[in-house]
Amino acid sequence: MAWHSVSQAQKLTQKSRRTLYRDMAAGRVSWRQGTNGHRELETAELIRAYGALSDAGTEEWPTVAQPGGTQNEVALLAEIRELRAEVAELKGMMLRIEDKTSQKDPERRKTPWWRFWGVQR
């Protein structure tokens, strides 16, 4: 089952924070320390200790914030198309640049910096 913070357990059980901590200290409710260092209680443990849990939320699922879509949806879609075309063009340019560097003569090496002074190796 799921693990709940003390605040969430308080809402689910309709018990005070003080009651929950007192029951944890007395060993009536088992808990664990979460990764963030806070106490966590399991759903099954809350049901065992306090009975049926209350519905803390609403019966409805959240709805879309803008059911009609955005106001400038057409403009946004056009901008997305333009950006995709630009990205495709840039990818092509990068491929051409990479191709030019691979066509360079691999036998010809750049002279070392110390050859400037006429030092021979």
Protein backbone atom coordinates (compact mmCIF):
# COMPACT_ATOMS: atom_id res chain seq x y z
CA MET A 1 0.00 0.00 0.00
CA ALA A 2 0.96 3.66 -0.08
CA TRP A 3 3.02 5.55 2.46
CA HIS A 4 1.69 8.84 3.87
CA SER A 5 3.24 11.76 5.69
CA VAL A 6 1.97 12.61 9.16
CA SER A 7 -0.08 15.48 7.72
CA GLN A 8 -1.69 13.18 5.16
CA ALA A 9 -2.35 10.54 7.82
CA GLN A 10 -3.93 13.20 9.99
CA LYS A 11 -6.38 14.08 7.20
CA LEU A 12 -7.13 10.45 6.40
CA THR A 13 -7.73 9.33 9.99
CA GLN A 14 -9.32 12.55 11.30
CA LYS A 15 -6.98 12.30 14.30
CA SER A 16 -4.88 15.10 15.71
CA ARG A 17 -1.18 15.32 15.05
CA ARG A 18 -0.56 14.87 18.76
CA THR A 19 -2.56 11.62 18.80
CA LEU A 20 -0.61 10.23 15.86
CA TYR A 21 2.76 11.02 17.45
CA ARG A 22 1.61 9.64 20.82
CA ASP A 23 0.50 6.38 19.17
CA MET A 24 3.79 6.13 17.25
CA ALA A 25 5.76 6.64 20.48
CA ALA A 26 3.68 4.03 22.31
CA GLY A 27 4.13 1.50 19.48
CA ARG A 28 0.44 1.33 18.57
CA VAL A 29 1.23 2.51 15.02
CA SER A 30 4.36 1.50 13.16
CA TRP A 31 6.14 3.99 10.93
CA ARG A 32 9.31 4.44 8.92
CA GLN A 33 11.66 7.28 8.27
CA GLY A 34 11.44 8.43 4.65
CA THR A 35 14.28 9.51 2.42
CA ASN A 36 13.70 13.13 3.43
CA GLY A 37 14.00 12.27 7.14
CA HIS A 38 10.30 12.65 7.92
CA ARG A 39 8.06 9.96 9.36
CA GLU A 40 5.81 7.99 7.04
CA LEU A 41 2.86 5.75 7.85
CA GLU A 42 1.47 2.99 5.66
CA THR A 43 -2.18 2.95 4.64
CA ALA A 44 -2.76 -0.59 5.93
CA GLU A 45 -1.28 0.38 9.30
CA LEU A 46 -3.61 3.38 9.55
CA ILE A 47 -6.62 1.20 8.74
CA ARG A 48 -5.51 -1.42 11.31
CA ALA A 49 -5.07 1.15 14.06
CA TYR A 50 -7.91 3.59 13.38
CA GLY A 51 -10.44 1.78 11.22
CA ALA A 52 -11.88 3.05 7.94
CA LEU A 53 -10.22 6.13 6.52
CA SER A 54 -12.12 9.26 5.54
CA ASP A 55 -12.28 10.61 2.03
CA ALA A 56 -9.95 13.57 2.24
CA GLY A 57 -10.51 14.68 -1.33
CA THR A 58 -13.45 15.28 -3.61
CA GLU A 59 -15.31 12.75 -5.65
CA GLU A 60 -14.50 14.53 -8.93
CA TRP A 61 -11.35 14.15 -10.98
CA PRO A 62 -9.59 17.37 -11.94
CA THR A 63 -10.72 18.89 -15.20
CA VAL A 64 -8.72 20.60 -17.91
CA ALA A 65 -7.92 24.19 -17.02
CA GLN A 66 -8.82 25.48 -20.47
CA PRO A 67 -11.45 23.19 -22.02
CA GLY A 68 -11.71 25.31 -25.19
CA GLY A 69 -7.99 25.27 -25.85
CA THR A 70 -5.73 28.27 -25.90
CA GLN A 71 -6.76 31.48 -27.59
CA ASN A 72 -3.85 31.66 -30.01
CA GLU A 73 -3.57 27.96 -30.80
CA VAL A 74 -3.25 28.57 -34.55
CA ALA A 75 -0.36 30.99 -34.06
CA LEU A 76 1.41 28.57 -31.72
CA LEU A 77 1.07 25.68 -34.17
CA ALA A 78 2.45 27.85 -36.99
CA GLU A 79 5.41 28.83 -34.82
CA ILE A 80 6.07 25.18 -33.97
CA ARG A 81 6.10 24.32 -37.69
CA GLU A 82 8.57 27.15 -38.39
CA LEU A 83 10.82 26.06 -35.54
CA ARG A 84 10.82 22.46 -36.73
CA ALA A 85 11.80 23.60 -40.23
CA GLU A 86 14.61 25.70 -38.76
CA VAL A 87 15.86 22.76 -36.69
CA ALA A 88 15.85 20.54 -39.80
CA GLU A 89 17.83 23.18 -41.70
CA LEU A 90 20.38 23.46 -38.88
CA LYS A 91 20.77 19.69 -38.74
CA GLY A 92 21.49 19.66 -42.47
CA MET A 93 24.08 22.41 -42.05
CA MET A 94 25.77 20.46 -39.24
CA LEU A 95 25.92 17.35 -41.41
CA ARG A 96 27.52 19.34 -44.24
CA ILE A 97 30.09 20.80 -41.84
CA GLU A 98 30.91 17.37 -40.43
CA ASP A 99 31.24 16.01 -43.97
CA LYS A 100 33.74 18.75 -44.90
CA THR A 101 35.91 17.98 -41.88
CA SER A 102 35.94 14.27 -42.69
CA GLN A 103 37.05 14.99 -46.29
CA LYS A 104 40.25 16.74 -45.18
CA ASP A 105 43.52 14.99 -46.02
CA PRO A 106 44.25 12.66 -43.09
CA GLU A 107 47.93 12.32 -44.19
CA ARG A 108 48.67 16.01 -43.78
CA ARG A 109 49.35 16.81 -40.16
CA LYS A 110 49.53 20.15 -38.49
CA THR A 111 53.07 21.10 -37.58
CA PRO A 112 53.79 21.12 -33.84
CA TRP A 113 54.03 24.45 -32.09
CA TRP A 114 57.70 23.97 -31.20
CA ARG A 115 58.73 23.79 -34.87
CA PHE A 116 58.24 27.56 -34.98
CA TRP A 117 61.70 27.99 -33.41
CA GLY A 118 63.29 25.57 -35.81
CA VAL A 119 63.76 22.82 -33.24
CA GLN A 120 64.07 19.39 -34.82
CA ARG A 121 63.05 16.23 -33.09
